[in-house]
Amino acid sequence: MGAAGNFTEARFMTVTEVAEMMRVSRMTVYRMIHAGELPAVRFGRSYRVPESAVEQILQTGTTDVRATGTEDHRG
């Protein structure tokens, strides 16, 4: 998770919305958040994920949201 300034223009999604969009379980999304593979902001007891991070994962096929044009092919 980065500085708050990084999210000033971001649109956020709930864990349920992310799970539906990625076609995975909510538990998988929580695991990705806790592993640092998916950035998230905690609001009270729930998490919100930047929509841009989900779109990047879907486009690149990698959970390395820091990737810059190269895909991570480690198994």
N, C-alpha and C. Protein backbone atom coordinates (compact mmCIF):
# COMPACT_ATOMS: atom_id res chain seq x y z
N MET A 1 0.84 -1.17 0.00
CA MET A 1 0.00 0.00 0.00
C MET A 1 0.88 1.23 0.00
N GLY A 2 0.49 2.22 -0.75
CA GLY A 2 1.32 3.40 -0.87
C GLY A 2 0.75 4.58 -0.12
N ALA A 3 1.30 5.74 -0.41
CA ALA A 3 0.84 6.97 0.21
C ALA A 3 -0.56 7.31 -0.26
N ALA A 4 -1.28 8.02 0.59
CA ALA A 4 -2.67 8.37 0.27
C ALA A 4 -2.77 9.17 -1.02
N GLY A 5 -1.76 9.95 -1.36
CA GLY A 5 -1.77 10.75 -2.57
C GLY A 5 -1.88 9.92 -3.83
N ASN A 6 -1.46 8.67 -3.78
CA ASN A 6 -1.52 7.80 -4.95
C ASN A 6 -2.96 7.43 -5.30
N PHE A 7 -3.89 7.60 -4.39
CA PHE A 7 -5.27 7.16 -4.60
C PHE A 7 -6.25 8.31 -4.75
N THR A 8 -5.77 9.54 -4.94
CA THR A 8 -6.68 10.67 -4.96
C THR A 8 -7.69 10.61 -6.09
N GLU A 9 -7.32 10.06 -7.23
CA GLU A 9 -8.23 9.97 -8.37
C GLU A 9 -8.72 8.55 -8.62
N ALA A 10 -8.39 7.65 -7.73
CA ALA A 10 -8.71 6.23 -7.94
C ALA A 10 -10.18 5.94 -7.68
N ARG A 11 -10.69 4.96 -8.41
CA ARG A 11 -12.02 4.41 -8.16
C ARG A 11 -11.79 3.10 -7.43
N PHE A 12 -12.55 2.87 -6.39
CA PHE A 12 -12.34 1.70 -5.56
C PHE A 12 -13.45 0.67 -5.74
N MET A 13 -13.07 -0.58 -5.55
CA MET A 13 -14.00 -1.70 -5.65
C MET A 13 -13.99 -2.48 -4.35
N THR A 14 -15.12 -3.10 -4.02
CA THR A 14 -15.17 -3.96 -2.85
C THR A 14 -14.52 -5.30 -3.19
N VAL A 15 -14.22 -6.07 -2.16
CA VAL A 15 -13.64 -7.39 -2.37
C VAL A 15 -14.59 -8.26 -3.19
N THR A 16 -15.86 -8.17 -2.93
CA THR A 16 -16.85 -8.95 -3.69
C THR A 16 -16.84 -8.56 -5.16
N GLU A 17 -16.78 -7.26 -5.46
CA GLU A 17 -16.73 -6.80 -6.84
C GLU A 17 -15.47 -7.28 -7.54
N VAL A 18 -14.34 -7.23 -6.82
CA VAL A 18 -13.07 -7.70 -7.40
C VAL A 18 -13.17 -9.19 -7.70
N ALA A 19 -13.70 -9.95 -6.76
CA ALA A 19 -13.83 -11.41 -6.96
C ALA A 19 -14.69 -11.72 -8.18
N GLU A 20 -15.80 -11.01 -8.33
CA GLU A 20 -16.67 -11.24 -9.49
C GLU A 20 -15.97 -10.87 -10.79
N MET A 21 -15.26 -9.75 -10.78
CA MET A 21 -14.58 -9.29 -12.00
C MET A 21 -13.46 -10.24 -12.41
N MET A 22 -12.74 -10.78 -11.41
CA MET A 22 -11.61 -11.67 -11.70
C MET A 22 -12.05 -13.13 -11.79
N ARG A 23 -13.31 -13.39 -11.45
CA ARG A 23 -13.86 -14.75 -11.45
C ARG A 23 -13.08 -15.69 -10.53
N VAL A 24 -12.86 -15.18 -9.32
CA VAL A 24 -12.22 -15.97 -8.26
C VAL A 24 -13.07 -15.81 -7.00
N SER A 25 -12.72 -16.55 -5.97
CA SER A 25 -13.47 -16.44 -4.72
C SER A 25 -13.03 -15.19 -3.95
N ARG A 26 -13.87 -14.76 -3.02
CA ARG A 26 -13.50 -13.63 -2.17
C ARG A 26 -12.26 -13.98 -1.35
N MET A 27 -12.14 -15.23 -0.92
CA MET A 27 -10.98 -15.65 -0.14
C MET A 27 -9.69 -15.48 -0.95
N THR A 28 -9.74 -15.75 -2.24
CA THR A 28 -8.58 -15.56 -3.10
C THR A 28 -8.18 -14.09 -3.14
N VAL A 29 -9.16 -13.20 -3.21
CA VAL A 29 -8.88 -11.77 -3.21
C VAL A 29 -8.23 -11.37 -1.88
N TYR A 30 -8.78 -11.85 -0.76
CA TYR A 30 -8.18 -11.54 0.54
C TYR A 30 -6.76 -12.07 0.63
N ARG A 31 -6.51 -13.25 0.11
CA ARG A 31 -5.15 -13.79 0.11
C ARG A 31 -4.20 -12.92 -0.70
N MET A 32 -4.66 -12.45 -1.85
CA MET A 32 -3.84 -11.58 -2.69
C MET A 32 -3.53 -10.26 -1.98
N ILE A 33 -4.52 -9.73 -1.28
CA ILE A 33 -4.31 -8.48 -0.53
C ILE A 33 -3.27 -8.70 0.56
N HIS A 34 -3.46 -9.75 1.36
CA HIS A 34 -2.55 -10.01 2.47
C HIS A 34 -1.15 -10.39 2.01
N ALA A 35 -1.02 -10.97 0.83
CA ALA A 35 0.29 -11.33 0.29
C ALA A 35 0.98 -10.14 -0.37
N GLY A 36 0.27 -9.03 -0.50
CA GLY A 36 0.86 -7.86 -1.13
C GLY A 36 0.80 -7.90 -2.65
N GLU A 37 0.05 -8.84 -3.20
CA GLU A 37 -0.07 -8.96 -4.66
C GLU A 37 -1.11 -8.01 -5.22
N LEU A 38 -1.99 -7.52 -4.36
CA LEU A 38 -3.08 -6.65 -4.78
C LEU A 38 -3.15 -5.49 -3.78
N PRO A 39 -2.93 -4.25 -4.24
CA PRO A 39 -2.98 -3.13 -3.30
C PRO A 39 -4.41 -2.91 -2.81
N ALA A 40 -4.53 -2.49 -1.58
CA ALA A 40 -5.85 -2.24 -1.01
C ALA A 40 -5.74 -1.22 0.10
N VAL A 41 -6.85 -0.56 0.36
CA VAL A 41 -6.96 0.40 1.45
C VAL A 41 -8.01 -0.14 2.39
N ARG A 42 -7.71 -0.09 3.67
CA ARG A 42 -8.67 -0.61 4.65
C ARG A 42 -9.55 0.53 5.15
N PHE A 43 -10.86 0.32 5.09
CA PHE A 43 -11.85 1.24 5.62
C PHE A 43 -12.59 0.51 6.72
N GLY A 44 -12.29 0.82 7.97
CA GLY A 44 -12.91 0.10 9.07
C GLY A 44 -12.51 -1.36 9.02
N ARG A 45 -13.51 -2.23 8.89
CA ARG A 45 -13.23 -3.66 8.84
C ARG A 45 -13.20 -4.21 7.42
N SER A 46 -13.36 -3.36 6.42
CA SER A 46 -13.40 -3.85 5.04
C SER A 46 -12.27 -3.24 4.22
N TYR A 47 -12.00 -3.86 3.09
CA TYR A 47 -10.95 -3.41 2.18
C TYR A 47 -11.58 -2.86 0.91
N ARG A 48 -10.88 -1.91 0.30
CA ARG A 48 -11.25 -1.40 -1.01
C ARG A 48 -10.00 -1.48 -1.89
N VAL A 49 -10.21 -1.93 -3.12
CA VAL A 49 -9.12 -2.16 -4.05
C VAL A 49 -9.25 -1.17 -5.21
N PRO A 50 -8.15 -0.51 -5.58
CA PRO A 50 -8.22 0.40 -6.74
C PRO A 50 -8.59 -0.37 -8.01
N GLU A 51 -9.57 0.14 -8.71
CA GLU A 51 -10.02 -0.50 -9.95
C GLU A 51 -8.88 -0.66 -10.95
N SER A 52 -7.98 0.32 -10.99
CA SER A 52 -6.86 0.27 -11.93
C SER A 52 -5.95 -0.92 -11.67
N ALA A 53 -5.79 -1.32 -10.40
CA ALA A 53 -4.95 -2.47 -10.07
C ALA A 53 -5.58 -3.76 -10.58
N VAL A 54 -6.89 -3.87 -10.45
CA VAL A 54 -7.60 -5.06 -10.95
C VAL A 54 -7.51 -5.12 -12.47
N GLU A 55 -7.71 -3.99 -13.12
CA GLU A 55 -7.62 -3.95 -14.59
C GLU A 55 -6.23 -4.33 -15.06
N GLN A 56 -5.21 -3.87 -14.36
CA GLN A 56 -3.83 -4.20 -14.75
C GLN A 56 -3.58 -5.70 -14.63
N ILE A 57 -4.07 -6.30 -13.56
CA ILE A 57 -3.90 -7.75 -13.38
C ILE A 57 -4.61 -8.51 -14.48
N LEU A 58 -5.81 -8.08 -14.82
CA LEU A 58 -6.56 -8.76 -15.88
C LEU A 58 -5.90 -8.59 -17.24
N GLN A 59 -5.32 -7.43 -17.50
CA GLN A 59 -4.68 -7.17 -18.79
C GLN A 59 -3.34 -7.88 -18.93
N THR A 60 -2.54 -7.88 -17.86
CA THR A 60 -1.20 -8.44 -17.96
C THR A 60 -1.15 -9.92 -17.62
N GLY A 61 -2.15 -10.40 -16.91
CA GLY A 61 -2.15 -11.81 -16.52
C GLY A 61 -1.17 -12.10 -15.40
N THR A 62 -0.73 -11.06 -14.69
CA THR A 62 0.21 -11.26 -13.60
C THR A 62 -0.29 -10.53 -12.37
N THR A 63 0.05 -11.04 -11.21
CA THR A 63 -0.33 -10.36 -9.97
C THR A 63 0.72 -9.37 -9.53
N ASP A 64 1.79 -9.22 -10.30
CA ASP A 64 2.82 -8.25 -9.98
C ASP A 64 2.36 -6.89 -10.49
N VAL A 65 1.65 -6.14 -9.66
CA VAL A 65 1.08 -4.86 -10.09
C VAL A 65 2.16 -3.81 -10.30
N ARG A 66 3.40 -4.11 -9.95
CA ARG A 66 4.50 -3.19 -10.19
C ARG A 66 5.15 -3.44 -11.54
N ALA A 67 4.71 -4.47 -12.26
CA ALA A 67 5.31 -4.82 -13.56
C ALA A 67 5.19 -3.66 -14.53
N THR A 68 6.24 -3.46 -15.30
CA THR A 68 6.23 -2.36 -16.28
C THR A 68 6.50 -2.94 -17.66
N GLY A 69 5.51 -3.63 -18.18
CA GLY A 69 5.64 -4.16 -19.54
C GLY A 69 6.20 -5.56 -19.61
N THR A 70 6.71 -6.10 -18.52
CA THR A 70 7.23 -7.45 -18.54
C THR A 70 6.36 -8.32 -17.64
N GLU A 71 6.05 -9.48 -18.10
CA GLU A 71 5.21 -10.38 -17.33
C GLU A 71 6.05 -11.29 -16.46
N ASP A 72 5.52 -11.65 -15.34
CA ASP A 72 6.19 -12.52 -14.39
C ASP A 72 5.77 -13.96 -14.70
N HIS A 73 6.68 -14.77 -15.18
CA HIS A 73 6.35 -16.14 -15.57
C HIS A 73 6.80 -17.17 -14.55
N ARG A 74 7.09 -16.69 -13.34
CA ARG A 74 7.45 -17.65 -12.29
C ARG A 74 6.20 -18.40 -11.87
N GLY A 75 6.31 -19.67 -11.62
CA GLY A 75 5.16 -20.49 -11.26
C GLY A 75 4.75 -20.40 -9.91
